[in-house]
């Protein structure tokens, strides 16, 4: 088994466990838990989507704002 996959699996499993138990995670703690370069952008999106679907609130540690995963930018504007 690819060691990156094993580390990523364990990190995601721990994130879900903690998130479900506490009801919230921060963006920064999620990013610190994942090995660098271990997820593609699509896999990262799916992780955040899945956490939200599990009713885990995702907060920004710096601003304290809830990350809803919904971009408020209008169509056609740069990201």
PDB file of N, CA and C in Angstrom:
ATOM      1  N   UNK A   1       0.843  -1.182   0.000  1.00  0.00           N
ATOM      2  CA  UNK A   1       0.000   0.000   0.000  1.00  0.00           C
ATOM      3  C   UNK A   1       0.885   1.242   0.000  1.00  0.00           C
ATOM      4  N   UNK A   2       0.474   2.237  -0.760  1.00  0.00           N
ATOM      5  CA  UNK A   2       1.182   3.517  -0.823  1.00  0.00           C
ATOM      6  C   UNK A   2       1.114   4.184   0.553  1.00  0.00           C
ATOM      7  N   UNK A   3       2.270   4.524   1.156  1.00  0.00           N
ATOM      8  CA  UNK A   3       2.252   5.117   2.497  1.00  0.00           C
ATOM      9  C   UNK A   3       1.472   6.426   2.576  1.00  0.00           C
ATOM     10  N   UNK A   4       1.432   7.204   1.483  1.00  0.00           N
ATOM     11  CA  UNK A   4       0.666   8.454   1.495  1.00  0.00           C
ATOM     12  C   UNK A   4      -0.823   8.178   1.664  1.00  0.00           C
ATOM     13  N   UNK A   5      -1.296   7.107   1.017  1.00  0.00           N
ATOM     14  CA  UNK A   5      -2.710   6.758   1.124  1.00  0.00           C
ATOM     15  C   UNK A   5      -3.036   6.356   2.552  1.00  0.00           C
ATOM     16  N   UNK A   6      -2.171   5.557   3.170  1.00  0.00           N
ATOM     17  CA  UNK A   6      -2.389   5.132   4.550  1.00  0.00           C
ATOM     18  C   UNK A   6      -2.428   6.309   5.500  1.00  0.00           C
ATOM     19  N   UNK A   7      -1.488   7.243   5.362  1.00  0.00           N
ATOM     20  CA  UNK A   7      -1.455   8.419   6.236  1.00  0.00           C
ATOM     21  C   UNK A   7      -2.678   9.299   6.008  1.00  0.00           C
ATOM     22  N   UNK A   8      -3.053   9.450   4.754  1.00  0.00           N
ATOM     23  CA  UNK A   8      -4.220  10.272   4.426  1.00  0.00           C
ATOM     24  C   UNK A   8      -5.488   9.633   4.986  1.00  0.00           C
ATOM     25  N   UNK A   9      -5.601   8.335   4.838  1.00  0.00           N
ATOM     26  CA  UNK A   9      -6.778   7.627   5.363  1.00  0.00           C
ATOM     27  C   UNK A   9      -6.885   7.822   6.868  1.00  0.00           C
ATOM     28  N   UNK A  10      -5.777   7.607   7.570  1.00  0.00           N
ATOM     29  CA  UNK A  10      -5.793   7.742   9.025  1.00  0.00           C
ATOM     30  C   UNK A  10      -6.102   9.178   9.447  1.00  0.00           C
ATOM     31  N   UNK A  11      -5.541  10.159   8.731  1.00  0.00           N
ATOM     32  CA  UNK A  11      -5.792  11.570   9.051  1.00  0.00           C
ATOM     33  C   UNK A  11      -7.267  11.897   8.850  1.00  0.00           C
ATOM     34  N   UNK A  12      -7.843  11.434   7.759  1.00  0.00           N
ATOM     35  CA  UNK A  12      -9.259  11.704   7.496  1.00  0.00           C
ATOM     36  C   UNK A  12     -10.149  11.016   8.521  1.00  0.00           C
ATOM     37  N   UNK A  13      -9.793   9.796   8.885  1.00  0.00           N
ATOM     38  CA  UNK A  13     -10.567   9.055   9.878  1.00  0.00           C
ATOM     39  C   UNK A  13     -10.554   9.806  11.213  1.00  0.00           C
ATOM     40  N   UNK A  14      -9.392  10.295  11.628  1.00  0.00           N
ATOM     41  CA  UNK A  14      -9.287  11.046  12.875  1.00  0.00           C
ATOM     42  C   UNK A  14     -10.068  12.364  12.797  1.00  0.00           C
ATOM     43  N   UNK A  15      -9.996  13.026  11.632  1.00  0.00           N
ATOM     44  CA  UNK A  15     -10.748  14.269  11.469  1.00  0.00           C
ATOM     45  C   UNK A  15     -12.248  14.031  11.608  1.00  0.00           C
ATOM     46  N   UNK A  16     -12.755  12.991  10.971  1.00  0.00           N
ATOM     47  CA  UNK A  16     -14.185  12.692  11.072  1.00  0.00           C
ATOM     48  C   UNK A  16     -14.562  12.356  12.508  1.00  0.00           C
ATOM     49  N   UNK A  17     -13.752  11.572  13.177  1.00  0.00           N
ATOM     50  CA  UNK A  17     -14.039  11.203  14.559  1.00  0.00           C
ATOM     51  C   UNK A  17     -14.106  12.448  15.440  1.00  0.00           C
ATOM     52  N   UNK A  18     -13.091  13.283  15.360  1.00  0.00           N
ATOM     53  CA  UNK A  18     -13.053  14.497  16.173  1.00  0.00           C
ATOM     54  C   UNK A  18     -14.187  15.447  15.789  1.00  0.00           C
ATOM     55  N   UNK A  19     -14.398  15.631  14.492  1.00  0.00           N
ATOM     56  CA  UNK A  19     -15.434  16.538  14.025  1.00  0.00           C
ATOM     57  C   UNK A  19     -16.824  16.129  14.462  1.00  0.00           C
ATOM     58  N   UNK A  20     -17.121  14.855  14.370  1.00  0.00           N
ATOM     59  CA  UNK A  20     -18.442  14.366  14.766  1.00  0.00           C
ATOM     60  C   UNK A  20     -18.601  14.466  16.279  1.00  0.00           C
ATOM     61  N   UNK A  21     -17.553  14.148  17.017  1.00  0.00           N
ATOM     62  CA  UNK A  21     -17.621  14.230  18.487  1.00  0.00           C
ATOM     63  C   UNK A  21     -17.812  15.666  18.962  1.00  0.00           C
ATOM     64  N   UNK A  22     -17.037  16.593  18.384  1.00  0.00           N
ATOM     65  CA  UNK A  22     -17.052  17.982  18.849  1.00  0.00           C
ATOM     66  C   UNK A  22     -18.031  18.874  18.079  1.00  0.00           C
ATOM     67  N   UNK A  23     -18.441  18.405  16.893  1.00  0.00           N
ATOM     68  CA  UNK A  23     -19.386  19.177  16.089  1.00  0.00           C
ATOM     69  C   UNK A  23     -18.744  20.276  15.257  1.00  0.00           C
ATOM     70  N   UNK A  24     -17.438  20.408  15.355  1.00  0.00           N
ATOM     71  CA  UNK A  24     -16.742  21.448  14.580  1.00  0.00           C
ATOM     72  C   UNK A  24     -15.266  21.136  14.433  1.00  0.00           C
ATOM     73  N   UNK A  25     -14.707  21.683  13.361  1.00  0.00           N
ATOM     74  CA  UNK A  25     -13.267  21.635  13.083  1.00  0.00           C
ATOM     75  C   UNK A  25     -12.898  22.984  12.485  1.00  0.00           C
ATOM     76  N   UNK A  26     -11.620  23.321  12.536  1.00  0.00           N
ATOM     77  CA  UNK A  26     -11.184  24.529  11.845  1.00  0.00           C
ATOM     78  C   UNK A  26     -10.516  24.130  10.534  1.00  0.00           C
ATOM     79  N   UNK A  27     -10.560  25.051   9.595  1.00  0.00           N
ATOM     80  CA  UNK A  27      -9.900  24.828   8.307  1.00  0.00           C
ATOM     81  C   UNK A  27      -8.423  24.525   8.557  1.00  0.00           C
ATOM     82  N   UNK A  28      -7.814  25.282   9.445  1.00  0.00           N
ATOM     83  CA  UNK A  28      -6.392  25.128   9.716  1.00  0.00           C
ATOM     84  C   UNK A  28      -6.077  23.757  10.319  1.00  0.00           C
ATOM     85  N   UNK A  29      -6.921  23.266  11.204  1.00  0.00           N
ATOM     86  CA  UNK A  29      -6.641  21.963  11.805  1.00  0.00           C
ATOM     87  C   UNK A  29      -6.831  20.844  10.775  1.00  0.00           C
ATOM     88  N   UNK A  30      -7.774  21.015   9.861  1.00  0.00           N
ATOM     89  CA  UNK A  30      -7.945  20.035   8.785  1.00  0.00           C
ATOM     90  C   UNK A  30      -6.701  20.018   7.908  1.00  0.00           C
ATOM     91  N   UNK A  31      -6.238  21.197   7.516  1.00  0.00           N
ATOM     92  CA  UNK A  31      -5.073  21.274   6.632  1.00  0.00           C
ATOM     93  C   UNK A  31      -3.793  20.760   7.307  1.00  0.00           C
ATOM     94  N   UNK A  32      -3.648  21.023   8.608  1.00  0.00           N
ATOM     95  CA  UNK A  32      -2.467  20.520   9.340  1.00  0.00           C
ATOM     96  C   UNK A  32      -2.485  19.002   9.440  1.00  0.00           C
ATOM     97  N   UNK A  33      -3.675  18.406   9.506  1.00  0.00           N
ATOM     98  CA  UNK A  33      -3.796  16.956   9.674  1.00  0.00           C
ATOM     99  C   UNK A  33      -3.462  16.175   8.403  1.00  0.00           C
ATOM    100  N   UNK A  34      -3.608  16.824   7.259  1.00  0.00           N
ATOM    101  CA  UNK A  34      -3.390  16.123   5.984  1.00  0.00           C
ATOM    102  C   UNK A  34      -1.939  16.213   5.555  1.00  0.00           C
ATOM    103  N   UNK A  35      -1.347  15.081   5.162  1.00  0.00           N
ATOM    104  CA  UNK A  35       0.024  15.141   4.647  1.00  0.00           C
ATOM    105  C   UNK A  35       0.085  16.038   3.411  1.00  0.00           C
ATOM    106  N   UNK A  36       1.118  16.874   3.302  1.00  0.00           N
ATOM    107  CA  UNK A  36       1.239  17.783   2.147  1.00  0.00           C
ATOM    108  C   UNK A  36       1.179  17.029   0.819  1.00  0.00           C
ATOM    109  N   UNK A  37       0.385  17.564  -0.098  1.00  0.00           N
ATOM    110  CA  UNK A  37       0.284  16.989  -1.440  1.00  0.00           C
ATOM    111  C   UNK A  37      -0.438  15.663  -1.503  1.00  0.00           C
ATOM    112  N   UNK A  38      -1.156  15.305  -0.447  1.00  0.00           N
ATOM    113  CA  UNK A  38      -1.775  13.976  -0.403  1.00  0.00           C
ATOM    114  C   UNK A  38      -3.136  13.913  -1.078  1.00  0.00           C
ATOM    115  N   UNK A  39      -3.788  15.053  -1.264  1.00  0.00           N
ATOM    116  CA  UNK A  39      -5.106  15.054  -1.885  1.00  0.00           C
ATOM    117  C   UNK A  39      -5.124  15.948  -3.122  1.00  0.00           C
ATOM    118  N   UNK A  40      -5.839  15.506  -4.124  1.00  0.00           N
ATOM    119  CA  UNK A  40      -6.060  16.346  -5.297  1.00  0.00           C
ATOM    120  C   UNK A  40      -7.090  17.400  -4.909  1.00  0.00           C
ATOM    121  N   UNK A  41      -7.241  18.457  -5.696  1.00  0.00           N
ATOM    122  CA  UNK A  41      -8.293  19.437  -5.386  1.00  0.00           C
ATOM    123  C   UNK A  41      -9.683  18.801  -5.286  1.00  0.00           C
ATOM    124  N   UNK A  42      -9.977  17.842  -6.139  1.00  0.00           N
ATOM    125  CA  UNK A  42     -11.289  17.181  -6.095  1.00  0.00           C
ATOM    126  C   UNK A  42     -11.441  16.360  -4.809  1.00  0.00           C
ATOM    127  N   UNK A  43     -10.386  15.680  -4.392  1.00  0.00           N
ATOM    128  CA  UNK A  43     -10.439  14.904  -3.150  1.00  0.00           C
ATOM    129  C   UNK A  43     -10.587  15.821  -1.932  1.00  0.00           C
ATOM    130  N   UNK A  44      -9.914  16.964  -1.972  1.00  0.00           N
ATOM    131  CA  UNK A  44     -10.003  17.942  -0.876  1.00  0.00           C
ATOM    132  C   UNK A  44     -11.440  18.488  -0.805  1.00  0.00           C
ATOM    133  N   UNK A  45     -12.023  18.828  -1.958  1.00  0.00           N
ATOM    134  CA  UNK A  45     -13.401  19.307  -1.998  1.00  0.00           C
ATOM    135  C   UNK A  45     -14.336  18.256  -1.411  1.00  0.00           C
ATOM    136  N   UNK A  46     -14.152  16.997  -1.801  1.00  0.00           N
ATOM    137  CA  UNK A  46     -14.999  15.912  -1.314  1.00  0.00           C
ATOM    138  C   UNK A  46     -14.854  15.735   0.193  1.00  0.00           C
ATOM    139  N   UNK A  47     -13.661  15.895   0.729  1.00  0.00           N
ATOM    140  CA  UNK A  47     -13.450  15.792   2.172  1.00  0.00           C
ATOM    141  C   UNK A  47     -14.257  16.864   2.904  1.00  0.00           C
ATOM    142  N   UNK A  48     -14.117  18.113   2.469  1.00  0.00           N
ATOM    143  CA  UNK A  48     -14.862  19.204   3.105  1.00  0.00           C
ATOM    144  C   UNK A  48     -16.364  18.997   2.941  1.00  0.00           C
ATOM    145  N   UNK A  49     -16.803  18.587   1.766  1.00  0.00           N
ATOM    146  CA  UNK A  49     -18.223  18.329   1.510  1.00  0.00           C
ATOM    147  C   UNK A  49     -18.734  17.234   2.448  1.00  0.00           C
ATOM    148  N   UNK A  50     -17.960  16.170   2.582  1.00  0.00           N
ATOM    149  CA  UNK A  50     -18.360  15.045   3.426  1.00  0.00           C
ATOM    150  C   UNK A  50     -18.420  15.438   4.898  1.00  0.00           C
ATOM    151  N   UNK A  51     -17.476  16.255   5.341  1.00  0.00           N
ATOM    152  CA  UNK A  51     -17.510  16.731   6.727  1.00  0.00           C
ATOM    153  C   UNK A  51     -18.769  17.560   6.972  1.00  0.00           C
ATOM    154  N   UNK A  52     -19.073  18.455   6.029  1.00  0.00           N
ATOM    155  CA  UNK A  52     -20.284  19.271   6.175  1.00  0.00           C
ATOM    156  C   UNK A  52     -21.538  18.394   6.170  1.00  0.00           C
ATOM    157  N   UNK A  53     -21.551  17.369   5.299  1.00  0.00           N
ATOM    158  CA  UNK A  53     -22.701  16.461   5.221  1.00  0.00           C
ATOM    159  C   UNK A  53     -22.875  15.689   6.525  1.00  0.00           C
ATOM    160  N   UNK A  54     -21.769  15.475   7.241  1.00  0.00           N
ATOM    161  CA  UNK A  54     -21.819  14.797   8.535  1.00  0.00           C
ATOM    162  C   UNK A  54     -22.165  15.780   9.661  1.00  0.00           C
ATOM    163  N   UNK A  55     -22.529  16.998   9.252  1.00  0.00           N
ATOM    164  CA  UNK A  55     -22.933  18.068  10.180  1.00  0.00           C
ATOM    165  C   UNK A  55     -21.793  18.549  11.070  1.00  0.00           C
ATOM    166  N   UNK A  56     -20.595  18.551  10.487  1.00  0.00           N
ATOM    167  CA  UNK A  56     -19.438  19.117  11.174  1.00  0.00           C
ATOM    168  C   UNK A  56     -19.310  20.562  10.695  1.00  0.00           C
ATOM    169  N   UNK A  57     -19.357  21.489  11.623  1.00  0.00           N
ATOM    170  CA  UNK A  57     -19.192  22.906  11.304  1.00  0.00           C
ATOM    171  C   UNK A  57     -17.706  23.163  11.062  1.00  0.00           C
ATOM    172  N   UNK A  58     -17.401  23.848   9.978  1.00  0.00           N
ATOM    173  CA  UNK A  58     -16.004  24.146   9.640  1.00  0.00           C
ATOM    174  C   UNK A  58     -15.796  25.647   9.788  1.00  0.00           C
ATOM    175  N   UNK A  59     -14.885  26.010  10.675  1.00  0.00           N
ATOM    176  CA  UNK A  59     -14.614  27.411  10.989  1.00  0.00           C
ATOM    177  C   UNK A  59     -13.227  27.811  10.534  1.00  0.00           C
ATOM    178  N   UNK A  60     -13.059  29.094  10.270  1.00  0.00           N
ATOM    179  CA  UNK A  60     -11.729  29.634  10.019  1.00  0.00           C
ATOM    180  C   UNK A  60     -11.171  30.066  11.369  1.00  0.00           C
ATOM    181  N   UNK A  61     -10.024  29.512  11.731  1.00  0.00           N
ATOM    182  CA  UNK A  61      -9.396  29.780  13.019  1.00  0.00           C
ATOM    183  C   UNK A  61      -9.061  31.257  13.205  1.00  0.00           C
ATOM    184  N   UNK A  62      -8.691  31.921  12.128  1.00  0.00           N
ATOM    185  CA  UNK A  62      -8.254  33.309  12.194  1.00  0.00           C
ATOM    186  C   UNK A  62      -9.443  34.267  12.322  1.00  0.00           C
ATOM    187  N   UNK A  63     -10.430  34.099  11.455  1.00  0.00           N
ATOM    188  CA  UNK A  63     -11.561  35.036  11.436  1.00  0.00           C
ATOM    189  C   UNK A  63     -12.730  34.588  12.304  1.00  0.00           C
ATOM    190  N   UNK A  64     -12.796  33.298  12.602  1.00  0.00           N
ATOM    191  CA  UNK A  64     -13.919  32.769  13.361  1.00  0.00           C
ATOM    192  C   UNK A  64     -15.167  32.566  12.520  1.00  0.00           C
ATOM    193  N   UNK A  65     -15.071  32.855  11.220  1.00  0.00           N
ATOM    194  CA  UNK A  65     -16.224  32.707  10.329  1.00  0.00           C
ATOM    195  C   UNK A  65     -16.450  31.248   9.963  1.00  0.00           C
ATOM    196  N   UNK A  66     -17.705  30.900   9.759  1.00  0.00           N
ATOM    197  CA  UNK A  66     -18.061  29.556   9.332  1.00  0.00           C
ATOM    198  C   UNK A  66     -17.786  29.430   7.847  1.00  0.00           C
ATOM    199  N   UNK A  67     -17.091  28.366   7.456  1.00  0.00           N
ATOM    200  CA  UNK A  67     -16.832  28.076   6.050  1.00  0.00           C
ATOM    201  C   UNK A  67     -17.972  27.202   5.557  1.00  0.00           C
ATOM    202  N   UNK A  68     -18.866  27.786   4.778  1.00  0.00           N
ATOM    203  CA  UNK A  68     -20.035  27.050   4.297  1.00  0.00           C
ATOM    204  C   UNK A  68     -19.749  26.272   3.019  1.00  0.00           C
ATOM    205  N   UNK A  69     -18.635  26.579   2.370  1.00  0.00           N
ATOM    206  CA  UNK A  69     -18.317  25.914   1.129  1.00  0.00           C
ATOM    207  C   UNK A  69     -19.031  26.535  -0.064  1.00  0.00           C
ATOM    208  N   UNK A  70     -19.774  27.591   0.197  1.00  0.00           N
ATOM    209  CA  UNK A  70     -20.507  28.266  -0.877  1.00  0.00           C
ATOM    210  C   UNK A  70     -19.773  29.557  -1.198  1.00  0.00           C
ATOM    211  N   UNK A  71     -19.383  29.702  -2.440  1.00  0.00           N
ATOM    212  CA  UNK A  71     -18.713  30.917  -2.867  1.00  0.00           C
ATOM    213  C   UNK A  71     -19.760  32.001  -3.089  1.00  0.00           C
ATOM    214  N   UNK A  72     -19.527  33.163  -2.528  1.00  0.00           N
ATOM    215  CA  UNK A  72     -20.472  34.276  -2.682  1.00  0.00           C
ATOM    216  C   UNK A  72     -20.115  35.191  -3.837  1.00  0.00           C
ATOM    217  N   UNK A  73     -19.085  34.815  -4.619  1.00  0.00           N
ATOM    218  CA  UNK A  73     -18.688  35.629  -5.766  1.00  0.00           C
ATOM    219  C   UNK A  73     -19.689  35.426  -6.895  1.00  0.00           C
ATOM    220  N   UNK A  74     -19.909  36.488  -7.649  1.00  0.00           N
ATOM    221  CA  UNK A  74     -20.829  36.371  -8.774  1.00  0.00           C
ATOM    222  C   UNK A  74     -20.179  35.604  -9.914  1.00  0.00           C
ATOM    223  N   UNK A  75     -21.016  35.018 -10.749  1.00  0.00           N
ATOM    224  CA  UNK A  75     -20.500  34.279 -11.896  1.00  0.00           C
ATOM    225  C   UNK A  75     -19.693  35.201 -12.788  1.00  0.00           C
ATOM    226  N   UNK A  76     -18.610  34.649 -13.316  1.00  0.00           N
ATOM    227  CA  UNK A  76     -17.763  35.408 -14.205  1.00  0.00           C
ATOM    228  C   UNK A  76     -16.681  36.199 -13.502  1.00  0.00           C
ATOM    229  N   UNK A  77     -16.767  36.344 -12.189  1.00  0.00           N
ATOM    230  CA  UNK A  77     -15.715  37.063 -11.471  1.00  0.00           C
ATOM    231  C   UNK A  77     -14.605  36.097 -11.109  1.00  0.00           C
ATOM    232  N   UNK A  78     -13.376  36.574 -11.064  1.00  0.00           N
ATOM    233  CA  UNK A  78     -12.256  35.675 -10.753  1.00  0.00           C
ATOM    234  C   UNK A  78     -12.366  35.160  -9.323  1.00  0.00           C
ATOM    235  N   UNK A  79     -11.811  33.963  -9.057  1.00  0.00           N
ATOM    236  CA  UNK A  79     -11.893  33.372  -7.709  1.00  0.00           C
ATOM    237  C   UNK A  79     -11.139  34.180  -6.686  1.00  0.00           C
TER     238      UNK A  79
END
